[in-house]
Amino acid sequence: MTEISRHHTGTRMSQIVTHGDTIYLAGQVGTAGASVTQQTQDCLDKVDALLAEIGSEKRKLLQAIIWLADMGDFAEMNAVWDAWVPEGHAPVRACGEAKLATPEYSVEVIVVAAR
C-alpha cells in the first residue's frame, strides 16, 4: 500500500499531501489586495517553497489549476506565470474565473507535482 503523508495540517486542510511520489499542494494565494502581478508572484513563491520542502521543484510540475477572480486579469497573471515556468517544463494547466475566499484575493494557484 502506498503511503499517504500530510504536512502543515490543520483542522480544515493540509498544505501538502504526498501519495507515493505524487505531491499535491493546497491552493496558494498571495497578499490580499496587492496587484495581480504581485499576488501571482506570491503564489508561485509559495509553490516553490512548499515543493522544495518536500523534495521537488517546478520542473517536476504535472498539473496546475489557476483561479482568477476576473478573467480580465488573464494576461497579467500569464506574464508572471510564463516567466516562472522553465522552458520545456510546462505542466498541463487549466485557468478559470471563480469567487475566491475574500474579494481581496485575485489569484489562487493549485499544483500537483512529482517528487
Protein backbone atom coordinates (compact mmCIF):
# COMPACT_ATOMS: atom_id res chain seq x y z
CA MET A 1 0.00 0.00 0.00
CA THR A 2 1.33 3.44 -0.98
CA GLU A 3 1.85 5.74 1.98
CA ILE A 4 -0.08 9.00 2.29
CA SER A 5 1.72 11.76 4.17
CA ARG A 6 0.26 15.13 5.23
CA HIS A 7 2.22 18.28 6.10
CA HIS A 8 1.19 21.59 7.67
CA THR A 9 -2.13 20.02 8.57
CA GLY A 10 -4.88 21.96 10.28
CA THR A 11 -8.49 21.22 11.07
CA ARG A 12 -9.69 22.09 7.57
CA MET A 13 -6.82 21.14 5.26
CA SER A 14 -3.18 20.25 4.72
CA GLN A 15 -0.81 22.43 2.72
CA ILE A 16 0.95 19.37 1.27
CA VAL A 17 -0.24 15.80 0.76
CA THR A 18 2.00 13.17 -0.77
CA HIS A 19 0.90 9.82 -2.12
CA GLY A 20 3.95 7.84 -3.13
CA ASP A 21 5.93 10.16 -5.39
CA THR A 22 2.99 12.43 -6.22
CA ILE A 23 2.76 15.76 -4.39
CA TYR A 24 -0.48 17.72 -4.05
CA LEU A 25 -0.41 21.31 -2.83
CA ALA A 26 -3.34 23.24 -1.40
CA GLY A 27 -4.39 26.36 -3.24
CA GLN A 28 -1.87 29.14 -2.70
CA VAL A 29 -2.87 32.81 -2.55
CA GLY A 30 -0.82 35.98 -2.42
CA THR A 31 -1.00 39.19 -0.45
CA ALA A 32 -4.66 40.21 -0.23
CA GLY A 33 -5.32 43.47 -2.04
CA ALA A 34 -1.99 43.50 -3.91
CA SER A 35 -1.82 43.71 -7.70
CA VAL A 36 -2.49 40.62 -9.80
CA THR A 37 1.20 40.61 -10.71
CA GLN A 38 2.25 40.61 -7.04
CA GLN A 39 -0.37 38.06 -5.99
CA THR A 40 0.69 35.71 -8.79
CA GLN A 41 4.36 36.04 -7.82
CA ASP A 42 3.48 35.43 -4.16
CA CYS A 43 1.55 32.27 -5.10
CA LEU A 44 4.43 30.94 -7.18
CA ASP A 45 6.98 31.77 -4.47
CA LYS A 46 4.88 29.73 -2.02
CA VAL A 47 4.67 26.85 -4.52
CA ASP A 48 8.48 26.93 -4.90
CA ALA A 49 8.98 26.85 -1.12
CA LEU A 50 6.49 24.03 -0.48
CA LEU A 51 7.87 21.90 -3.32
CA ALA A 52 11.44 22.42 -2.08
CA GLU A 53 10.39 21.44 1.42
CA ILE A 54 9.07 18.11 0.17
CA GLY A 55 11.95 17.36 -2.24
CA SER A 56 10.63 18.61 -5.55
CA GLU A 57 10.68 21.71 -7.75
CA LYS A 58 8.82 23.44 -10.57
CA ARG A 59 10.46 21.37 -13.32
CA LYS A 60 8.50 18.43 -11.90
CA LEU A 61 5.05 20.04 -12.11
CA LEU A 62 2.41 17.73 -13.51
CA GLN A 63 -0.71 19.88 -13.31
CA ALA A 64 -1.68 23.44 -12.40
CA ILE A 65 -5.13 24.89 -11.80
CA ILE A 66 -5.35 28.66 -11.59
CA TRP A 67 -8.39 30.54 -10.39
CA LEU A 68 -8.76 34.21 -11.21
CA ALA A 69 -11.37 36.45 -9.62
CA ASP A 70 -11.62 38.20 -13.01
CA MET A 71 -10.61 36.64 -16.34
CA GLY A 72 -9.76 40.17 -17.44
CA ASP A 73 -6.54 39.60 -15.42
CA PHE A 74 -5.53 36.59 -17.57
CA ALA A 75 -2.73 38.37 -19.47
CA GLU A 76 -1.28 39.98 -16.32
CA MET A 77 -1.21 36.64 -14.49
CA ASN A 78 0.26 34.87 -17.54
CA ALA A 79 3.13 37.36 -17.78
CA VAL A 80 4.31 36.22 -14.33
CA TRP A 81 3.49 32.54 -14.96
CA ASP A 82 5.34 32.43 -18.30
CA ALA A 83 8.48 33.94 -16.74
CA TRP A 84 8.32 31.40 -13.88
CA VAL A 85 7.79 28.10 -15.73
CA PRO A 86 11.06 26.70 -17.07
CA GLU A 87 11.07 26.32 -20.86
CA GLY A 88 10.10 22.80 -21.84
CA HIS A 89 8.59 22.00 -18.43
CA ALA A 90 5.07 23.44 -18.67
CA PRO A 91 2.51 21.27 -16.83
CA VAL A 92 -0.99 20.58 -18.02
CA ARG A 93 -2.96 23.61 -16.91
CA ALA A 94 -6.46 24.96 -16.52
CA CYS A 95 -7.43 28.53 -15.69
CA GLY A 96 -10.89 29.76 -14.85
CA GLU A 97 -12.80 32.51 -13.12
CA ALA A 98 -14.16 31.98 -9.62
CA LYS A 99 -15.08 33.89 -6.50
CA LEU A 100 -12.15 33.40 -4.15
CA ALA A 101 -12.13 33.25 -0.33
CA THR A 102 -12.25 37.04 0.02
CA PRO A 103 -12.72 39.82 -2.55
CA GLU A 104 -9.13 40.97 -1.89
CA TYR A 105 -7.76 37.81 -3.50
CA SER A 106 -7.34 37.89 -7.27
CA VAL A 107 -5.36 34.69 -7.91
CA GLU A 108 -5.19 31.16 -6.48
CA VAL A 109 -2.76 28.52 -7.76
CA ILE A 110 -3.12 24.77 -7.13
CA VAL A 111 -0.46 22.32 -8.33
CA VAL A 112 0.35 18.63 -8.47
CA ALA A 113 3.99 17.60 -8.91
CA ALA A 114 6.24 14.57 -8.92
CA ARG A 115 8.93 14.09 -6.30
